[in-house]
Amino acid sequence: MNDLKFALRQLAKSPAFTGVAVLVLALGVGVNTAIFSVVESMLLRPLPFPQADRLVRLSEGQDYLEGRENTYELPEATFQQWR
């Protein structure tokens, strides 16, 4: 209990340090919450589709020596042909 009283007295003596410490803690909690919200919604929550594990994305592009470049969305006519 004495340590807590001492810490509060020291924080009261230096309001600039106290303000910076509170600001840094608030910023850290806010950034942590924002990042967790993004990770939870993108990676942890299942997709809102039935049989989401069967979703695919079809595209076509031009192959070059280094790999696939200039990928285009699949036109409806090509999709119907492949189907």
C-alpha atoms as a PDB file:
ATOM      1  CA  MET A   1       0.000   0.000   0.000  1.00  0.00           C
ATOM      2  CA  ASN A   2       2.891   2.322   0.744  1.00  0.00           C
ATOM      3  CA  ASP A   3       4.277   1.730  -2.740  1.00  0.00           C
ATOM      4  CA  LEU A   4       0.985   2.781  -4.314  1.00  0.00           C
ATOM      5  CA  LYS A   5       0.897   5.985  -2.258  1.00  0.00           C
ATOM      6  CA  PHE A   6       4.492   6.727  -3.226  1.00  0.00           C
ATOM      7  CA  ALA A   7       3.745   6.123  -6.923  1.00  0.00           C
ATOM      8  CA  LEU A   8       0.715   8.428  -6.826  1.00  0.00           C
ATOM      9  CA  ARG A   9       2.753  11.154  -5.085  1.00  0.00           C
ATOM     10  CA  GLN A  10       5.483  10.898  -7.731  1.00  0.00           C
ATOM     11  CA  LEU A  11       2.925  11.062 -10.550  1.00  0.00           C
ATOM     12  CA  ALA A  12       1.305  14.111  -8.953  1.00  0.00           C
ATOM     13  CA  LYS A  13       4.702  15.853  -8.747  1.00  0.00           C
ATOM     14  CA  SER A  14       5.334  15.519 -12.495  1.00  0.00           C
ATOM     15  CA  PRO A  15       2.093  16.133 -14.422  1.00  0.00           C
ATOM     16  CA  ALA A  16       3.847  16.214 -17.816  1.00  0.00           C
ATOM     17  CA  PHE A  17       5.211  12.694 -17.349  1.00  0.00           C
ATOM     18  CA  THR A  18       1.843  11.528 -16.036  1.00  0.00           C
ATOM     19  CA  GLY A  19       0.062  12.965 -19.083  1.00  0.00           C
ATOM     20  CA  VAL A  20       2.494  11.342 -21.502  1.00  0.00           C
ATOM     21  CA  ALA A  21       2.240   7.996 -19.689  1.00  0.00           C
ATOM     22  CA  VAL A  22      -1.565   8.068 -19.735  1.00  0.00           C
ATOM     23  CA  LEU A  23      -1.581   9.109 -23.401  1.00  0.00           C
ATOM     24  CA  VAL A  24       0.796   6.298 -24.391  1.00  0.00           C
ATOM     25  CA  LEU A  25      -1.241   3.728 -22.468  1.00  0.00           C
ATOM     26  CA  ALA A  26      -4.505   4.943 -24.019  1.00  0.00           C
ATOM     27  CA  LEU A  27      -2.966   4.872 -27.486  1.00  0.00           C
ATOM     28  CA  GLY A  28      -1.638   1.352 -26.921  1.00  0.00           C
ATOM     29  CA  VAL A  29      -5.013   0.064 -25.745  1.00  0.00           C
ATOM     30  CA  GLY A  30      -6.782   1.740 -28.681  1.00  0.00           C
ATOM     31  CA  VAL A  31      -4.383   0.364 -31.297  1.00  0.00           C
ATOM     32  CA  ASN A  32      -4.540  -3.103 -29.747  1.00  0.00           C
ATOM     33  CA  THR A  33      -8.341  -3.029 -29.844  1.00  0.00           C
ATOM     34  CA  ALA A  34      -8.403  -1.854 -33.461  1.00  0.00           C
ATOM     35  CA  ILE A  35      -5.949  -4.503 -34.641  1.00  0.00           C
ATOM     36  CA  PHE A  36      -7.766  -7.263 -32.777  1.00  0.00           C
ATOM     37  CA  SER A  37     -11.078  -6.145 -34.287  1.00  0.00           C
ATOM     38  CA  VAL A  38      -9.644  -6.360 -37.805  1.00  0.00           C
ATOM     39  CA  VAL A  39      -7.982  -9.733 -37.189  1.00  0.00           C
ATOM     40  CA  GLU A  40     -11.116 -11.130 -35.572  1.00  0.00           C
ATOM     41  CA  SER A  41     -13.399 -10.018 -38.394  1.00  0.00           C
ATOM     42  CA  MET A  42     -11.048 -11.071 -41.215  1.00  0.00           C
ATOM     43  CA  LEU A  43      -9.432 -14.246 -39.914  1.00  0.00           C
ATOM     44  CA  LEU A  44     -11.305 -15.671 -36.938  1.00  0.00           C
ATOM     45  CA  ARG A  45     -14.984 -15.193 -37.782  1.00  0.00           C
ATOM     46  CA  PRO A  46     -16.361 -17.658 -40.370  1.00  0.00           C
ATOM     47  CA  LEU A  47     -17.574 -16.298 -43.686  1.00  0.00           C
ATOM     48  CA  PRO A  48     -21.312 -15.547 -43.908  1.00  0.00           C
ATOM     49  CA  PHE A  49     -21.914 -18.099 -46.675  1.00  0.00           C
ATOM     50  CA  PRO A  50     -23.140 -21.667 -46.542  1.00  0.00           C
ATOM     51  CA  GLN A  51     -20.272 -24.067 -47.329  1.00  0.00           C
ATOM     52  CA  ALA A  52     -17.733 -21.228 -47.254  1.00  0.00           C
ATOM     53  CA  ASP A  53     -14.884 -23.720 -47.627  1.00  0.00           C
ATOM     54  CA  ARG A  54     -16.054 -24.382 -51.214  1.00  0.00           C
ATOM     55  CA  LEU A  55     -15.785 -20.753 -52.421  1.00  0.00           C
ATOM     56  CA  VAL A  56     -13.343 -20.188 -55.256  1.00  0.00           C
ATOM     57  CA  ARG A  57     -12.152 -17.231 -57.289  1.00  0.00           C
ATOM     58  CA  LEU A  58     -11.636 -17.726 -61.003  1.00  0.00           C
ATOM     59  CA  SER A  59      -9.476 -15.439 -63.094  1.00  0.00           C
ATOM     60  CA  GLU A  60      -7.441 -15.599 -66.212  1.00  0.00           C
ATOM     61  CA  GLY A  61      -4.219 -13.901 -67.099  1.00  0.00           C
ATOM     62  CA  GLN A  62      -1.085 -13.997 -69.171  1.00  0.00           C
ATOM     63  CA  ASP A  63       1.818 -16.183 -68.105  1.00  0.00           C
ATOM     64  CA  TYR A  64       5.306 -14.762 -68.288  1.00  0.00           C
ATOM     65  CA  LEU A  65       8.633 -16.355 -67.385  1.00  0.00           C
ATOM     66  CA  GLU A  66       8.657 -14.736 -63.938  1.00  0.00           C
ATOM     67  CA  GLY A  67       5.143 -15.878 -63.028  1.00  0.00           C
ATOM     68  CA  ARG A  68       1.540 -14.813 -63.564  1.00  0.00           C
ATOM     69  CA  GLU A  69       1.051 -11.147 -64.439  1.00  0.00           C
ATOM     70  CA  ASN A  70      -1.833  -9.050 -65.705  1.00  0.00           C
ATOM     71  CA  THR A  71      -4.558 -11.099 -64.051  1.00  0.00           C
ATOM     72  CA  TYR A  72      -8.065 -10.170 -65.175  1.00  0.00           C
ATOM     73  CA  GLU A  73     -11.478 -10.876 -63.740  1.00  0.00           C
ATOM     74  CA  LEU A  74     -13.221 -13.734 -65.496  1.00  0.00           C
ATOM     75  CA  PRO A  75     -15.857 -12.601 -68.017  1.00  0.00           C
ATOM     76  CA  GLU A  76     -19.326 -14.140 -67.695  1.00  0.00           C
ATOM     77  CA  ALA A  77     -19.095 -15.824 -71.120  1.00  0.00           C
ATOM     78  CA  THR A  78     -15.840 -17.588 -70.214  1.00  0.00           C
ATOM     79  CA  PHE A  79     -17.297 -18.692 -66.898  1.00  0.00           C
ATOM     80  CA  GLN A  80     -20.290 -20.228 -68.670  1.00  0.00           C
ATOM     81  CA  GLN A  81     -17.947 -22.072 -71.080  1.00  0.00           C
ATOM     82  CA  TRP A  82     -15.864 -23.469 -68.218  1.00  0.00           C
ATOM     83  CA  ARG A  83     -18.964 -24.407 -66.280  1.00  0.00           C
END
